Amino acid sequence: MPRHVDHEQRRRDITAAAMRILAERGLGALTLKSLAKALGGSITLVTHFYSTRAELLQAITERVLEEYDVELADLEEGADDRTRLHILLEWMLPLDEETWISECGRIALLGQREDDPSIGPFFDMMDARMRDYLREHLAPLVEADRLEVMVDMLRVTLNGIVLCAVEHRGEWPAERQLAVLRQMLAAFSL
């Protein structure tokens, strides 16, 4: 009798394992074979759902963005506009082990962007979504003519904090990241 497989759960398992490989060992280590090994099965376990690495990267991106939407909605429920912005900005920082690993994976991928064209859409979609989040959260708090420059300023500042935290983990614990974030918000009157 055939075994029932929850296809949605299997896709989640595959993308989660792929993100771990990316974060721990980089893009070069992310092969369908290494992914199957990490999942404890044969390569068909992966290729049944994703036949190429490009398909897998697309799926990772889509899954991550879907999870972001749900997670943010839960975190921000009932909050006023200013609090929602603060929640978003803290959420964008690698304040714990899981988000630090995720950011390590993202930065490792960034270094491979020129060599592997399948990576480009990942960054394009992620950057567009992060900018959309910032725009949506800033719109009620800043004048319309300042909105885009504020999106740029926050995006650049947050990316800088994230890069410092990834490059110098021990020197950029959550407390330091949050202190810089609070100072930045005060400087921007947010």
Protein backbone atom coordinates (compact mmCIF):
# COMPACT_ATOMS: atom_id res chain seq x y z
CA MET A 1 0.00 0.00 0.00
CA PRO A 2 1.46 3.41 -0.94
CA ARG A 3 2.52 5.66 1.88
CA HIS A 4 0.71 8.99 2.21
CA VAL A 5 3.06 11.94 1.87
CA ASP A 6 2.05 15.43 2.89
CA HIS A 7 3.39 17.28 -0.16
CA GLU A 8 3.18 20.71 1.45
CA GLN A 9 5.10 19.52 4.50
CA ARG A 10 7.70 17.85 2.28
CA ARG A 11 8.20 21.13 0.38
CA ARG A 12 8.63 22.96 3.69
CA ASP A 13 11.15 20.35 4.86
CA ILE A 14 13.12 20.64 1.62
CA THR A 15 13.26 24.43 1.65
CA ALA A 16 14.19 24.50 5.36
CA ALA A 17 17.03 22.04 4.77
CA ALA A 18 18.18 24.06 1.76
CA MET A 19 18.31 27.25 3.86
CA ARG A 20 20.39 25.45 6.51
CA ILE A 21 22.86 24.26 3.86
CA LEU A 22 23.09 27.76 2.38
CA ALA A 23 23.69 29.34 5.77
CA GLU A 24 26.19 26.78 6.98
CA ARG A 25 28.14 25.94 3.82
CA GLY A 26 27.16 28.37 1.05
CA LEU A 27 25.69 28.05 -2.41
CA GLY A 28 28.37 25.70 -3.71
CA ALA A 29 27.26 23.10 -1.15
CA LEU A 30 23.61 23.34 -2.16
CA THR A 31 23.15 20.54 -4.64
CA LEU A 32 20.15 18.30 -5.07
CA LYS A 33 22.32 15.41 -3.89
CA SER A 34 23.51 17.19 -0.72
CA LEU A 35 19.96 18.26 -0.01
CA ALA A 36 18.68 14.70 -0.35
CA LYS A 37 21.43 13.53 2.00
CA ALA A 38 20.51 16.18 4.57
CA LEU A 39 16.91 14.99 4.39
CA GLY A 40 17.96 11.36 4.79
CA GLY A 41 16.58 10.14 1.48
CA SER A 42 17.38 9.63 -2.16
CA ILE A 43 17.75 12.41 -4.69
CA THR A 44 14.26 11.64 -6.02
CA LEU A 45 12.95 12.86 -2.67
CA VAL A 46 14.01 16.34 -3.84
CA THR A 47 13.65 16.09 -7.62
CA HIS A 48 10.04 14.98 -7.28
CA PHE A 49 9.35 18.52 -6.06
CA TYR A 50 12.22 20.58 -7.52
CA SER A 51 14.09 19.41 -10.60
CA THR A 52 16.71 22.19 -10.60
CA ARG A 53 18.49 24.41 -8.13
CA ALA A 54 16.86 27.44 -9.79
CA GLU A 55 13.41 25.99 -9.03
CA LEU A 56 14.51 25.33 -5.48
CA LEU A 57 15.78 28.89 -5.01
CA GLN A 58 12.51 30.24 -6.38
CA ALA A 59 10.57 28.04 -3.96
CA ILE A 60 12.74 29.14 -1.04
CA THR A 61 12.09 32.77 -1.89
CA GLU A 62 8.34 32.31 -2.23
CA ARG A 63 8.10 30.30 0.96
CA VAL A 64 10.18 32.76 2.95
CA LEU A 65 8.10 35.71 1.74
CA GLU A 66 4.83 33.93 2.57
CA GLU A 67 6.12 33.15 6.05
CA TYR A 68 7.24 36.75 6.49
CA ASP A 69 3.75 38.07 5.73
CA VAL A 70 2.11 35.77 8.27
CA GLU A 71 4.76 36.33 10.93
CA LEU A 72 4.62 40.11 10.65
CA ALA A 73 0.83 40.19 10.73
CA ASP A 74 0.90 38.17 13.96
CA LEU A 75 3.59 40.33 15.56
CA GLU A 76 1.89 43.62 14.65
CA GLU A 77 -1.68 42.71 15.51
CA GLY A 78 -3.32 45.58 17.37
CA ALA A 79 -0.24 47.84 17.33
CA ASP A 80 -0.34 51.53 16.40
CA ASP A 81 1.61 52.85 13.38
CA ARG A 82 4.79 53.81 15.26
CA THR A 83 4.88 50.53 17.17
CA ARG A 84 4.30 48.59 13.95
CA LEU A 85 7.36 50.30 12.41
CA HIS A 86 9.49 49.47 15.45
CA ILE A 87 8.32 45.84 15.36
CA LEU A 88 9.18 45.60 11.66
CA LEU A 89 12.64 47.09 12.09
CA GLU A 90 13.51 44.81 15.01
CA TRP A 91 12.15 41.87 13.02
CA MET A 92 14.55 42.73 10.17
CA LEU A 93 17.60 42.34 12.45
CA PRO A 94 19.40 39.06 13.28
CA LEU A 95 18.65 39.19 17.00
CA ASP A 96 18.60 35.43 17.59
CA GLU A 97 20.34 32.31 16.31
CA GLU A 98 17.71 31.47 13.69
CA THR A 99 17.67 34.89 12.07
CA TRP A 100 21.46 35.12 12.25
CA ILE A 101 21.75 31.83 10.33
CA SER A 102 19.23 33.09 7.79
CA GLU A 103 21.19 36.32 7.27
CA CYS A 104 24.44 34.36 6.93
CA GLY A 105 22.79 32.36 4.16
CA ARG A 106 21.53 35.50 2.43
CA ILE A 107 24.94 37.14 2.53
CA ALA A 108 26.66 33.96 1.34
CA LEU A 109 24.27 33.90 -1.61
CA LEU A 110 25.01 37.53 -2.38
CA GLY A 111 28.64 36.68 -3.06
CA GLN A 112 27.55 34.16 -5.69
CA ARG A 113 25.07 36.40 -7.53
CA GLU A 114 27.34 37.20 -10.48
CA ASP A 115 28.33 33.57 -11.01
CA ASP A 116 24.85 32.04 -10.88
CA PRO A 117 22.01 33.87 -12.65
CA SER A 118 19.38 31.84 -10.77
CA ILE A 119 20.23 33.84 -7.64
CA GLY A 120 19.27 37.24 -9.05
CA PRO A 121 15.50 36.78 -8.75
CA PHE A 122 15.91 35.81 -5.09
CA PHE A 123 17.55 39.14 -4.25
CA ASP A 124 15.25 41.15 -6.47
CA MET A 125 12.16 39.69 -4.82
CA MET A 126 13.55 39.99 -1.29
CA ASP A 127 14.67 43.59 -1.73
CA ALA A 128 11.36 44.58 -3.30
CA ARG A 129 9.44 43.00 -0.42
CA MET A 130 11.61 44.59 2.28
CA ARG A 131 11.21 47.99 0.61
CA ASP A 132 7.45 47.43 0.36
CA TYR A 133 7.31 46.64 4.08
CA LEU A 134 9.28 49.77 4.91
CA ARG A 135 7.17 51.93 2.60
CA GLU A 136 3.92 50.55 4.03
CA HIS A 137 5.06 51.11 7.61
CA LEU A 138 6.56 54.55 7.03
CA ALA A 139 3.71 55.99 4.93
CA PRO A 140 1.52 56.94 7.92
CA LEU A 141 4.50 58.45 9.77
CA VAL A 142 6.38 60.63 7.25
CA GLU A 143 5.48 63.20 4.63
CA ALA A 144 4.90 61.76 1.15
CA ASP A 145 7.80 63.71 -0.35
CA ARG A 146 10.20 62.11 2.20
CA LEU A 147 8.88 58.56 1.94
CA GLU A 148 11.27 57.10 -0.64
CA VAL A 149 14.38 58.65 0.85
CA MET A 150 13.35 57.36 4.29
CA VAL A 151 12.85 53.88 2.83
CA ASP A 152 16.38 54.09 1.39
CA MET A 153 17.85 55.38 4.64
CA LEU A 154 16.28 52.65 6.76
CA ARG A 155 17.13 49.93 4.25
CA VAL A 156 20.78 50.97 4.10
CA THR A 157 21.07 51.36 7.87
CA LEU A 158 19.46 47.99 8.58
CA ASN A 159 21.63 46.26 5.97
CA GLY A 160 24.68 47.78 7.62
CA ILE A 161 23.67 46.52 11.05
CA VAL A 162 22.95 43.06 9.64
CA LEU A 163 26.31 42.91 7.85
CA CYS A 164 28.16 43.96 11.02
CA ALA A 165 26.27 41.33 13.03
CA VAL A 166 27.12 38.61 10.52
CA GLU A 167 30.77 39.63 10.06
CA HIS A 168 31.45 40.26 13.76
CA ARG A 169 28.88 38.19 15.58
CA GLY A 170 30.39 38.43 19.04
CA GLU A 171 30.76 42.19 18.80
CA TRP A 172 27.18 42.80 17.59
CA PRO A 173 24.82 41.02 20.00
CA ALA A 174 21.13 41.85 20.03
CA GLU A 175 21.60 44.61 22.62
CA ARG A 176 24.05 46.53 20.44
CA GLN A 177 21.90 46.11 17.32
CA LEU A 178 18.86 47.41 19.18
CA ALA A 179 20.79 50.34 20.65
CA VAL A 180 21.87 51.43 17.17
CA LEU A 181 18.32 50.97 15.88
CA ARG A 182 16.88 53.09 18.72
CA GLN A 183 19.44 55.83 18.09
CA MET A 184 18.66 55.80 14.36
CA LEU A 185 14.93 56.06 15.02
CA ALA A 186 15.48 58.97 17.39
CA ALA A 187 17.66 60.74 14.81
CA PHE A 188 14.90 60.34 12.21
CA SER A 189 12.19 61.36 14.73
CA LEU A 190 10.54 57.98 14.40
